[in-house]
Amino acid sequence: MDTVDIHRGTDVEFGQSIYEPFGISPVEPLTFGGLCVFTNVCGCAGFVADAIIGTNSSPHDGTRNVIIADYIAIDGRFHEIKDLLTIDRAVRDEVEEKKAAK
């Protein structure tokens, strides 16, 4: 068995990094028809938007094999940096749960 065999057998690849400079591995299963779910802070999110979906498109427009989770948009509850600094684990978990459900 080789790495390509793992990608060939992958149904869904989750790349839920909180920061990833490029992170190409979440999109590798696309070659074999797999679904790719990664965060918008993964560096490959911009690449996917340009290469797969189309330049200047939202990563949420019209591709069936890619889901990009946006855990950064906090629904306007926090308007200033000082407000963001008050986020604790309970708030983070709430935001994460709502975004993941979406």
PDB file of N, CA and C in Angstrom:
ATOM      1  N   MET A   1       0.845  -1.176   0.000  1.00  0.00           N
ATOM      2  CA  MET A   1       0.000   0.000   0.000  1.00  0.00           C
ATOM      3  C   MET A   1       0.892   1.242   0.000  1.00  0.00           C
ATOM      4  N   ASP A   2       0.456   2.226  -0.738  1.00  0.00           N
ATOM      5  CA  ASP A   2       1.197   3.476  -0.866  1.00  0.00           C
ATOM      6  C   ASP A   2       0.274   4.627  -0.449  1.00  0.00           C
ATOM      7  N   THR A   3       0.833   5.814  -0.278  1.00  0.00           N
ATOM      8  CA  THR A   3       0.038   6.988   0.105  1.00  0.00           C
ATOM      9  C   THR A   3      -1.085   7.252  -0.886  1.00  0.00           C
ATOM     10  N   VAL A   4      -0.831   7.067  -2.156  1.00  0.00           N
ATOM     11  CA  VAL A   4      -1.861   7.292  -3.178  1.00  0.00           C
ATOM     12  C   VAL A   4      -3.039   6.343  -2.989  1.00  0.00           C
ATOM     13  N   ASP A   5      -2.778   5.154  -2.470  1.00  0.00           N
ATOM     14  CA  ASP A   5      -3.862   4.210  -2.201  1.00  0.00           C
ATOM     15  C   ASP A   5      -4.774   4.711  -1.084  1.00  0.00           C
ATOM     16  N   ILE A   6      -4.186   5.369  -0.107  1.00  0.00           N
ATOM     17  CA  ILE A   6      -4.984   5.949   0.982  1.00  0.00           C
ATOM     18  C   ILE A   6      -5.893   7.036   0.435  1.00  0.00           C
ATOM     19  N   HIS A   7      -5.356   7.912  -0.414  1.00  0.00           N
ATOM     20  CA  HIS A   7      -6.179   8.966  -1.019  1.00  0.00           C
ATOM     21  C   HIS A   7      -7.250   8.372  -1.930  1.00  0.00           C
ATOM     22  N   ARG A   8      -6.900   7.336  -2.639  1.00  0.00           N
ATOM     23  CA  ARG A   8      -7.848   6.681  -3.541  1.00  0.00           C
ATOM     24  C   ARG A   8      -9.026   6.105  -2.751  1.00  0.00           C
ATOM     25  N   GLY A   9      -8.784   5.627  -1.547  1.00  0.00           N
ATOM     26  CA  GLY A   9      -9.828   5.035  -0.723  1.00  0.00           C
ATOM     27  C   GLY A   9     -10.505   6.007   0.227  1.00  0.00           C
ATOM     28  N   THR A  10     -10.140   7.268   0.171  1.00  0.00           N
ATOM     29  CA  THR A  10     -10.707   8.261   1.078  1.00  0.00           C
ATOM     30  C   THR A  10     -12.057   8.765   0.579  1.00  0.00           C
ATOM     31  N   ASP A  11     -13.044   8.739   1.456  1.00  0.00           N
ATOM     32  CA  ASP A  11     -14.353   9.309   1.131  1.00  0.00           C
ATOM     33  C   ASP A  11     -14.400  10.786   1.501  1.00  0.00           C
ATOM     34  N   VAL A  12     -13.896  11.113   2.697  1.00  0.00           N
ATOM     35  CA  VAL A  12     -13.908  12.496   3.186  1.00  0.00           C
ATOM     36  C   VAL A  12     -12.591  12.780   3.886  1.00  0.00           C
ATOM     37  N   GLU A  13     -11.994  13.912   3.559  1.00  0.00           N
ATOM     38  CA  GLU A  13     -10.763  14.364   4.211  1.00  0.00           C
ATOM     39  C   GLU A  13     -11.110  15.599   5.031  1.00  0.00           C
ATOM     40  N   PHE A  14     -10.855  15.544   6.331  1.00  0.00           N
ATOM     41  CA  PHE A  14     -11.089  16.687   7.213  1.00  0.00           C
ATOM     42  C   PHE A  14      -9.764  17.343   7.541  1.00  0.00           C
ATOM     43  N   GLY A  15      -9.671  18.633   7.294  1.00  0.00           N
ATOM     44  CA  GLY A  15      -8.494  19.421   7.658  1.00  0.00           C
ATOM     45  C   GLY A  15      -8.965  20.607   8.488  1.00  0.00           C
ATOM     46  N   GLN A  16      -9.173  20.377   9.761  1.00  0.00           N
ATOM     47  CA  GLN A  16      -9.764  21.402  10.620  1.00  0.00           C
ATOM     48  C   GLN A  16      -8.714  22.177  11.415  1.00  0.00           C
ATOM     49  N   SER A  17      -7.657  22.589  10.749  1.00  0.00           N
ATOM     50  CA  SER A  17      -6.581  23.343  11.393  1.00  0.00           C
ATOM     51  C   SER A  17      -7.061  24.720  11.824  1.00  0.00           C
ATOM     52  N   ILE A  18      -6.467  25.216  12.911  1.00  0.00           N
ATOM     53  CA  ILE A  18      -6.743  26.594  13.299  1.00  0.00           C
ATOM     54  C   ILE A  18      -5.794  27.538  12.578  1.00  0.00           C
ATOM     55  N   TYR A  19      -4.710  26.991  12.033  1.00  0.00           N
ATOM     56  CA  TYR A  19      -3.804  27.759  11.180  1.00  0.00           C
ATOM     57  C   TYR A  19      -2.993  26.770  10.369  1.00  0.00           C
ATOM     58  N   GLU A  20      -2.889  27.010   9.097  1.00  0.00           N
ATOM     59  CA  GLU A  20      -2.123  26.134   8.211  1.00  0.00           C
ATOM     60  C   GLU A  20      -1.586  27.003   7.082  1.00  0.00           C
ATOM     61  N   PRO A  21      -0.269  27.175   6.985  1.00  0.00           N
ATOM     62  CA  PRO A  21       0.281  28.075   5.963  1.00  0.00           C
ATOM     63  C   PRO A  21      -0.144  27.729   4.537  1.00  0.00           C
ATOM     64  N   PHE A  22      -0.122  26.474   4.175  1.00  0.00           N
ATOM     65  CA  PHE A  22      -0.643  26.096   2.861  1.00  0.00           C
ATOM     66  C   PHE A  22      -1.540  24.876   2.978  1.00  0.00           C
ATOM     67  N   GLY A  23      -1.064  23.815   3.541  1.00  0.00           N
ATOM     68  CA  GLY A  23      -1.892  22.654   3.821  1.00  0.00           C
ATOM     69  C   GLY A  23      -2.550  22.034   2.607  1.00  0.00           C
ATOM     70  N   ILE A  24      -1.777  21.431   1.745  1.00  0.00           N
ATOM     71  CA  ILE A  24      -2.309  20.840   0.522  1.00  0.00           C
ATOM     72  C   ILE A  24      -3.022  19.507   0.777  1.00  0.00           C
ATOM     73  N   SER A  25      -2.702  18.819   1.858  1.00  0.00           N
ATOM     74  CA  SER A  25      -3.281  17.491   2.074  1.00  0.00           C
ATOM     75  C   SER A  25      -4.808  17.468   2.127  1.00  0.00           C
ATOM     76  N   PRO A  26      -5.492  18.531   2.613  1.00  0.00           N
ATOM     77  CA  PRO A  26      -6.958  18.461   2.593  1.00  0.00           C
ATOM     78  C   PRO A  26      -7.568  18.369   1.194  1.00  0.00           C
ATOM     79  N   VAL A  27      -6.833  18.752   0.154  1.00  0.00           N
ATOM     80  CA  VAL A  27      -7.405  18.701  -1.196  1.00  0.00           C
ATOM     81  C   VAL A  27      -6.913  17.507  -2.022  1.00  0.00           C
ATOM     82  N   GLU A  28      -5.996  16.734  -1.489  1.00  0.00           N
ATOM     83  CA  GLU A  28      -5.463  15.604  -2.251  1.00  0.00           C
ATOM     84  C   GLU A  28      -6.534  14.572  -2.652  1.00  0.00           C
ATOM     85  N   PRO A  29      -7.530  14.272  -1.817  1.00  0.00           N
ATOM     86  CA  PRO A  29      -8.554  13.301  -2.231  1.00  0.00           C
ATOM     87  C   PRO A  29      -9.448  13.776  -3.375  1.00  0.00           C
ATOM     88  N   LEU A  30      -9.413  15.067  -3.719  1.00  0.00           N
ATOM     89  CA  LEU A  30     -10.216  15.560  -4.844  1.00  0.00           C
ATOM     90  C   LEU A  30      -9.898  14.806  -6.128  1.00  0.00           C
ATOM     91  N   THR A  31      -8.648  14.451  -6.295  1.00  0.00           N
ATOM     92  CA  THR A  31      -8.204  13.746  -7.488  1.00  0.00           C
ATOM     93  C   THR A  31      -8.978  12.442  -7.705  1.00  0.00           C
ATOM     94  N   PHE A  32      -9.420  11.848  -6.590  1.00  0.00           N
ATOM     95  CA  PHE A  32     -10.103  10.562  -6.664  1.00  0.00           C
ATOM     96  C   PHE A  32     -11.592  10.677  -6.324  1.00  0.00           C
ATOM     97  N   GLY A  33     -12.135  11.911  -6.363  1.00  0.00           N
ATOM     98  CA  GLY A  33     -13.559  12.110  -6.137  1.00  0.00           C
ATOM     99  C   GLY A  33     -13.972  12.211  -4.684  1.00  0.00           C
ATOM    100  N   GLY A  34     -12.991  12.335  -3.778  1.00  0.00           N
ATOM    101  CA  GLY A  34     -13.313  12.461  -2.361  1.00  0.00           C
ATOM    102  C   GLY A  34     -13.856  13.843  -2.021  1.00  0.00           C
ATOM    103  N   LEU A  35     -14.499  13.944  -0.881  1.00  0.00           N
ATOM    104  CA  LEU A  35     -14.981  15.220  -0.362  1.00  0.00           C
ATOM    105  C   LEU A  35     -13.908  15.814   0.540  1.00  0.00           C
ATOM    106  N   CYS A  36     -13.746  17.127   0.470  1.00  0.00           N
ATOM    107  CA  CYS A  36     -12.719  17.796   1.260  1.00  0.00           C
ATOM    108  C   CYS A  36     -13.368  18.867   2.129  1.00  0.00           C
ATOM    109  N   VAL A  37     -13.124  18.772   3.429  1.00  0.00           N
ATOM    110  CA  VAL A  37     -13.677  19.717   4.393  1.00  0.00           C
ATOM    111  C   VAL A  37     -12.505  20.316   5.154  1.00  0.00           C
ATOM    112  N   PHE A  38     -12.282  21.617   4.957  1.00  0.00           N
ATOM    113  CA  PHE A  38     -11.194  22.265   5.676  1.00  0.00           C
ATOM    114  C   PHE A  38     -11.599  23.672   6.079  1.00  0.00           C
ATOM    115  N   THR A  39     -10.764  24.322   6.857  1.00  0.00           N
ATOM    116  CA  THR A  39     -11.102  25.647   7.373  1.00  0.00           C
ATOM    117  C   THR A  39     -10.628  26.741   6.434  1.00  0.00           C
ATOM    118  N   ASN A  40     -11.247  27.899   6.566  1.00  0.00           N
ATOM    119  CA  ASN A  40     -10.880  29.026   5.717  1.00  0.00           C
ATOM    120  C   ASN A  40      -9.509  29.602   6.074  1.00  0.00           C
ATOM    121  N   VAL A  41      -8.921  29.213   7.193  1.00  0.00           N
ATOM    122  CA  VAL A  41      -7.589  29.687   7.544  1.00  0.00           C
ATOM    123  C   VAL A  41      -6.500  28.768   7.008  1.00  0.00           C
ATOM    124  N   CYS A  42      -6.901  27.695   6.367  1.00  0.00           N
ATOM    125  CA  CYS A  42      -5.943  26.829   5.694  1.00  0.00           C
ATOM    126  C   CYS A  42      -5.485  27.554   4.436  1.00  0.00           C
ATOM    127  N   GLY A  43      -4.204  27.622   4.226  1.00  0.00           N
ATOM    128  CA  GLY A  43      -3.672  28.361   3.094  1.00  0.00           C
ATOM    129  C   GLY A  43      -4.189  27.904   1.747  1.00  0.00           C
ATOM    130  N   CYS A  44      -4.585  26.650   1.639  1.00  0.00           N
ATOM    131  CA  CYS A  44      -5.076  26.166   0.347  1.00  0.00           C
ATOM    132  C   CYS A  44      -6.488  26.654   0.043  1.00  0.00           C
ATOM    133  N   ALA A  45      -7.187  27.267   1.010  1.00  0.00           N
ATOM    134  CA  ALA A  45      -8.556  27.760   0.759  1.00  0.00           C
ATOM    135  C   ALA A  45      -8.566  28.778  -0.379  1.00  0.00           C
ATOM    136  N   GLY A  46      -7.610  29.691  -0.392  1.00  0.00           N
ATOM    137  CA  GLY A  46      -7.518  30.660  -1.480  1.00  0.00           C
ATOM    138  C   GLY A  46      -7.193  29.996  -2.802  1.00  0.00           C
ATOM    139  N   PHE A  47      -6.312  29.017  -2.763  1.00  0.00           N
ATOM    140  CA  PHE A  47      -5.962  28.257  -3.965  1.00  0.00           C
ATOM    141  C   PHE A  47      -7.201  27.551  -4.519  1.00  0.00           C
ATOM    142  N   VAL A  48      -7.972  26.936  -3.632  1.00  0.00           N
ATOM    143  CA  VAL A  48      -9.181  26.237  -4.060  1.00  0.00           C
ATOM    144  C   VAL A  48     -10.162  27.224  -4.691  1.00  0.00           C
ATOM    145  N   ALA A  49     -10.330  28.379  -4.053  1.00  0.00           N
ATOM    146  CA  ALA A  49     -11.250  29.381  -4.593  1.00  0.00           C
ATOM    147  C   ALA A  49     -10.832  29.808  -5.997  1.00  0.00           C
ATOM    148  N   ASP A  50      -9.539  29.976  -6.221  1.00  0.00           N
ATOM    149  CA  ASP A  50      -9.056  30.408  -7.529  1.00  0.00           C
ATOM    150  C   ASP A  50      -9.009  29.277  -8.558  1.00  0.00           C
ATOM    151  N   ALA A  51      -8.499  28.131  -8.159  1.00  0.00           N
ATOM    152  CA  ALA A  51      -8.257  27.053  -9.122  1.00  0.00           C
ATOM    153  C   ALA A  51      -9.475  26.180  -9.405  1.00  0.00           C
ATOM    154  N   ILE A  52     -10.256  25.903  -8.406  1.00  0.00           N
ATOM    155  CA  ILE A  52     -11.351  24.962  -8.588  1.00  0.00           C
ATOM    156  C   ILE A  52     -12.677  25.672  -8.817  1.00  0.00           C
ATOM    157  N   ILE A  53     -12.915  26.702  -8.038  1.00  0.00           N
ATOM    158  CA  ILE A  53     -14.210  27.366  -8.084  1.00  0.00           C
ATOM    159  C   ILE A  53     -14.243  28.494  -9.100  1.00  0.00           C
ATOM    160  N   GLY A  54     -13.138  29.199  -9.242  1.00  0.00           N
ATOM    161  CA  GLY A  54     -13.089  30.316 -10.177  1.00  0.00           C
ATOM    162  C   GLY A  54     -12.610  31.579  -9.477  1.00  0.00           C
ATOM    163  N   THR A  55     -11.764  32.297 -10.135  1.00  0.00           N
ATOM    164  CA  THR A  55     -11.175  33.497  -9.558  1.00  0.00           C
ATOM    165  C   THR A  55     -12.253  34.458  -9.084  1.00  0.00           C
ATOM    166  N   ASN A  56     -11.993  35.057  -7.941  1.00  0.00           N
ATOM    167  CA  ASN A  56     -12.864  36.050  -7.309  1.00  0.00           C
ATOM    168  C   ASN A  56     -14.225  35.490  -6.900  1.00  0.00           C
ATOM    169  N   SER A  57     -14.345  34.193  -6.757  1.00  0.00           N
ATOM    170  CA  SER A  57     -15.581  33.594  -6.273  1.00  0.00           C
ATOM    171  C   SER A  57     -15.443  33.273  -4.799  1.00  0.00           C
ATOM    172  N   SER A  58     -16.555  33.194  -4.132  1.00  0.00           N
ATOM    173  CA  SER A  58     -16.561  32.749  -2.747  1.00  0.00           C
ATOM    174  C   SER A  58     -16.289  31.253  -2.729  1.00  0.00           C
ATOM    175  N   PRO A  59     -15.537  30.753  -1.739  1.00  0.00           N
ATOM    176  CA  PRO A  59     -15.309  29.318  -1.659  1.00  0.00           C
ATOM    177  C   PRO A  59     -16.589  28.521  -1.433  1.00  0.00           C
ATOM    178  N   HIS A  60     -17.696  29.190  -1.175  1.00  0.00           N
ATOM    179  CA  HIS A  60     -18.951  28.494  -0.932  1.00  0.00           C
ATOM    180  C   HIS A  60     -19.836  28.458  -2.179  1.00  0.00           C
ATOM    181  N   ASP A  61     -19.334  28.982  -3.309  1.00  0.00           N
ATOM    182  CA  ASP A  61     -20.140  29.047  -4.529  1.00  0.00           C
ATOM    183  C   ASP A  61     -19.939  27.818  -5.408  1.00  0.00           C
ATOM    184  N   GLY A  62     -20.855  26.904  -5.364  1.00  0.00           N
ATOM    185  CA  GLY A  62     -21.021  25.918  -6.401  1.00  0.00           C
ATOM    186  C   GLY A  62     -20.057  24.788  -6.578  1.00  0.00           C
ATOM    187  N   THR A  63     -19.210  24.456  -5.652  1.00  0.00           N
ATOM    188  CA  THR A  63     -18.445  23.237  -5.836  1.00  0.00           C
ATOM    189  C   THR A  63     -19.010  22.170  -4.912  1.00  0.00           C
ATOM    190  N   ARG A  64     -19.159  20.975  -5.419  1.00  0.00           N
ATOM    191  CA  ARG A  64     -19.801  19.914  -4.655  1.00  0.00           C
ATOM    192  C   ARG A  64     -18.829  19.115  -3.815  1.00  0.00           C
ATOM    193  N   ASN A  65     -17.558  19.183  -4.108  1.00  0.00           N
ATOM    194  CA  ASN A  65     -16.590  18.334  -3.417  1.00  0.00           C
ATOM    195  C   ASN A  65     -15.815  19.036  -2.316  1.00  0.00           C
ATOM    196  N   VAL A  66     -16.056  20.323  -2.117  1.00  0.00           N
ATOM    197  CA  VAL A  66     -15.298  21.083  -1.128  1.00  0.00           C
ATOM    198  C   VAL A  66     -16.249  21.835  -0.211  1.00  0.00           C
ATOM    199  N   ILE A  67     -15.996  21.709   1.090  1.00  0.00           N
ATOM    200  CA  ILE A  67     -16.694  22.519   2.087  1.00  0.00           C
ATOM    201  C   ILE A  67     -15.621  23.246   2.884  1.00  0.00           C
ATOM    202  N   ILE A  68     -15.735  24.566   2.933  1.00  0.00           N
ATOM    203  CA  ILE A  68     -14.772  25.361   3.690  1.00  0.00           C
ATOM    204  C   ILE A  68     -15.485  25.938   4.910  1.00  0.00           C
ATOM    205  N   ALA A  69     -15.058  25.516   6.083  1.00  0.00           N
ATOM    206  CA  ALA A  69     -15.662  25.955   7.338  1.00  0.00           C
ATOM    207  C   ALA A  69     -15.035  27.279   7.775  1.00  0.00           C
ATOM    208  N   ASP A  70     -15.866  28.242   8.103  1.00  0.00           N
ATOM    209  CA  ASP A  70     -15.398  29.558   8.542  1.00  0.00           C
ATOM    210  C   ASP A  70     -15.686  29.719  10.025  1.00  0.00           C
ATOM    211  N   TYR A  71     -14.678  29.432  10.848  1.00  0.00           N
ATOM    212  CA  TYR A  71     -14.830  29.563  12.296  1.00  0.00           C
ATOM    213  C   TYR A  71     -14.432  30.956  12.790  1.00  0.00           C
ATOM    214  N   ILE A  72     -14.042  31.822  11.866  1.00  0.00           N
ATOM    215  CA  ILE A  72     -13.602  33.163  12.261  1.00  0.00           C
ATOM    216  C   ILE A  72     -14.763  34.138  12.337  1.00  0.00           C
ATOM    217  N   ALA A  73     -15.704  34.066  11.411  1.00  0.00           N
ATOM    218  CA  ALA A  73     -16.855  34.971  11.421  1.00  0.00           C
ATOM    219  C   ALA A  73     -17.712  34.655  12.646  1.00  0.00           C
ATOM    220  N   ILE A  74     -17.852  35.620  13.519  1.00  0.00           N
ATOM    221  CA  ILE A  74     -18.531  35.375  14.792  1.00  0.00           C
ATOM    222  C   ILE A  74     -19.856  36.132  14.847  1.00  0.00           C
ATOM    223  N   ASP A  75     -20.537  36.236  13.734  1.00  0.00           N
ATOM    224  CA  ASP A  75     -21.883  36.787  13.673  1.00  0.00           C
ATOM    225  C   ASP A  75     -22.035  38.174  14.286  1.00  0.00           C
ATOM    226  N   GLY A  76     -21.009  39.008  14.191  1.00  0.00           N
ATOM    227  CA  GLY A  76     -21.121  40.400  14.625  1.00  0.00           C
ATOM    228  C   GLY A  76     -21.237  40.613  16.119  1.00  0.00           C
ATOM    229  N   ARG A  77     -21.018  39.599  16.916  1.00  0.00           N
ATOM    230  CA  ARG A  77     -21.131  39.765  18.369  1.00  0.00           C
ATOM    231  C   ARG A  77     -19.958  40.530  18.957  1.00  0.00           C
ATOM    232  N   PHE A  78     -18.836  40.461  18.297  1.00  0.00           N
ATOM    233  CA  PHE A  78     -17.629  41.101  18.809  1.00  0.00           C
ATOM    234  C   PHE A  78     -17.159  42.119  17.787  1.00  0.00           C
ATOM    235  N   HIS A  79     -17.192  43.378  18.174  1.00  0.00           N
ATOM    236  CA  HIS A  79     -16.912  44.443  17.218  1.00  0.00           C
ATOM    237  C   HIS A  79     -15.510  45.026  17.334  1.00  0.00           C
ATOM    238  N   GLU A  80     -14.872  44.850  18.451  1.00  0.00           N
ATOM    239  CA  GLU A  80     -13.553  45.430  18.660  1.00  0.00           C
ATOM    240  C   GLU A  80     -12.598  44.363  19.165  1.00  0.00           C
ATOM    241  N   ILE A  81     -11.310  44.649  19.019  1.00  0.00           N
ATOM    242  CA  ILE A  81     -10.277  43.706  19.467  1.00  0.00           C
ATOM    243  C   ILE A  81     -10.452  43.378  20.947  1.00  0.00           C
ATOM    244  N   LYS A  82     -10.745  44.388  21.764  1.00  0.00           N
ATOM    245  CA  LYS A  82     -10.894  44.133  23.206  1.00  0.00           C
ATOM    246  C   LYS A  82     -12.028  43.145  23.474  1.00  0.00           C
ATOM    247  N   ASP A  83     -13.070  43.176  22.637  1.00  0.00           N
ATOM    248  CA  ASP A  83     -14.167  42.217  22.781  1.00  0.00           C
ATOM    249  C   ASP A  83     -13.702  40.808  22.413  1.00  0.00           C
ATOM    250  N   LEU A  84     -12.922  40.705  21.350  1.00  0.00           N
ATOM    251  CA  LEU A  84     -12.410  39.403  20.921  1.00  0.00           C
ATOM    252  C   LEU A  84     -11.512  38.775  21.976  1.00  0.00           C
ATOM    253  N   LEU A  85     -10.784  39.614  22.702  1.00  0.00           N
ATOM    254  CA  LEU A  85      -9.877  39.102  23.727  1.00  0.00           C
ATOM    255  C   LEU A  85     -10.610  38.516  24.930  1.00  0.00           C
ATOM    256  N   THR A  86     -11.905  38.769  25.033  1.00  0.00           N
ATOM    257  CA  THR A  86     -12.681  38.230  26.152  1.00  0.00           C
ATOM    258  C   THR A  86     -13.282  36.860  25.854  1.00  0.00           C
ATOM    259  N   ILE A  87     -13.084  36.365  24.651  1.00  0.00           N
ATOM    260  CA  ILE A  87     -13.655  35.060  24.288  1.00  0.00           C
ATOM    261  C   ILE A  87     -13.007  33.976  25.146  1.00  0.00           C
ATOM    262  N   ASP A  88     -13.842  33.220  25.818  1.00  0.00           N
ATOM    263  CA  ASP A  88     -13.354  32.109  26.624  1.00  0.00           C
ATOM    264  C   ASP A  88     -13.714  30.782  25.951  1.00  0.00           C
ATOM    265  N   ARG A  89     -13.427  29.708  26.624  1.00  0.00           N
ATOM    266  CA  ARG A  89     -13.660  28.389  26.032  1.00  0.00           C
ATOM    267  C   ARG A  89     -15.141  28.152  25.721  1.00  0.00           C
ATOM    268  N   ALA A  90     -16.027  28.595  26.610  1.00  0.00           N
ATOM    269  CA  ALA A  90     -17.463  28.383  26.406  1.00  0.00           C
ATOM    270  C   ALA A  90     -17.943  29.089  25.130  1.00  0.00           C
ATOM    271  N   VAL A  91     -17.487  30.325  24.918  1.00  0.00           N
ATOM    272  CA  VAL A  91     -17.870  31.075  23.717  1.00  0.00           C
ATOM    273  C   VAL A  91     -17.275  30.410  22.483  1.00  0.00           C
ATOM    274  N   ARG A  92     -16.016  30.020  22.572  1.00  0.00           N
ATOM    275  CA  ARG A  92     -15.362  29.338  21.446  1.00  0.00           C
ATOM    276  C   ARG A  92     -16.102  28.061  21.079  1.00  0.00           C
ATOM    277  N   ASP A  93     -16.463  27.276  22.089  1.00  0.00           N
ATOM    278  CA  ASP A  93     -17.188  26.031  21.831  1.00  0.00           C
ATOM    279  C   ASP A  93     -18.547  26.304  21.192  1.00  0.00           C
ATOM    280  N   GLU A  94     -19.217  27.361  21.619  1.00  0.00           N
ATOM    281  CA  GLU A  94     -20.512  27.723  21.054  1.00  0.00           C
ATOM    282  C   GLU A  94     -20.377  28.098  19.594  1.00  0.00           C
ATOM    283  N   VAL A  95     -19.399  28.946  19.294  1.00  0.00           N
ATOM    284  CA  VAL A  95     -19.165  29.362  17.900  1.00  0.00           C
ATOM    285  C   VAL A  95     -18.807  28.160  17.039  1.00  0.00           C
ATOM    286  N   GLU A  96     -17.915  27.328  17.545  1.00  0.00           N
ATOM    287  CA  GLU A  96     -17.477  26.134  16.819  1.00  0.00           C
ATOM    288  C   GLU A  96     -18.653  25.192  16.524  1.00  0.00           C
ATOM    289  N   GLU A  97     -19.519  24.994  17.511  1.00  0.00           N
ATOM    290  CA  GLU A  97     -20.664  24.115  17.325  1.00  0.00           C
ATOM    291  C   GLU A  97     -21.637  24.651  16.285  1.00  0.00           C
ATOM    292  N   LYS A  98     -21.915  25.951  16.328  1.00  0.00           N
ATOM    293  CA  LYS A  98     -22.828  26.554  15.363  1.00  0.00           C
ATOM    294  C   LYS A  98     -22.261  26.496  13.951  1.00  0.00           C
ATOM    295  N   LYS A  99     -20.980  26.813  13.812  1.00  0.00           N
ATOM    296  CA  LYS A  99     -20.349  26.799  12.488  1.00  0.00           C
ATOM    297  C   LYS A  99     -20.275  25.385  11.931  1.00  0.00           C
ATOM    298  N   ALA A 100     -19.933  24.421  12.774  1.00  0.00           N
ATOM    299  CA  ALA A 100     -19.834  23.030  12.311  1.00  0.00           C
ATOM    300  C   ALA A 100     -21.204  22.501  11.889  1.00  0.00           C
ATOM    301  N   ALA A 101     -22.251  22.898  12.607  1.00  0.00           N
ATOM    302  CA  ALA A 101     -23.597  22.452  12.251  1.00  0.00           C
ATOM    303  C   ALA A 101     -24.014  23.035  10.888  1.00  0.00           C
ATOM    304  N   LYS A 102     -23.591  24.261  10.634  1.00  0.00           N
ATOM    305  CA  LYS A 102     -23.932  24.915   9.358  1.00  0.00           C
ATOM    306  C   LYS A 102     -23.257  24.209   8.214  1.00  0.00           C
TER     307      LYS A 102
END
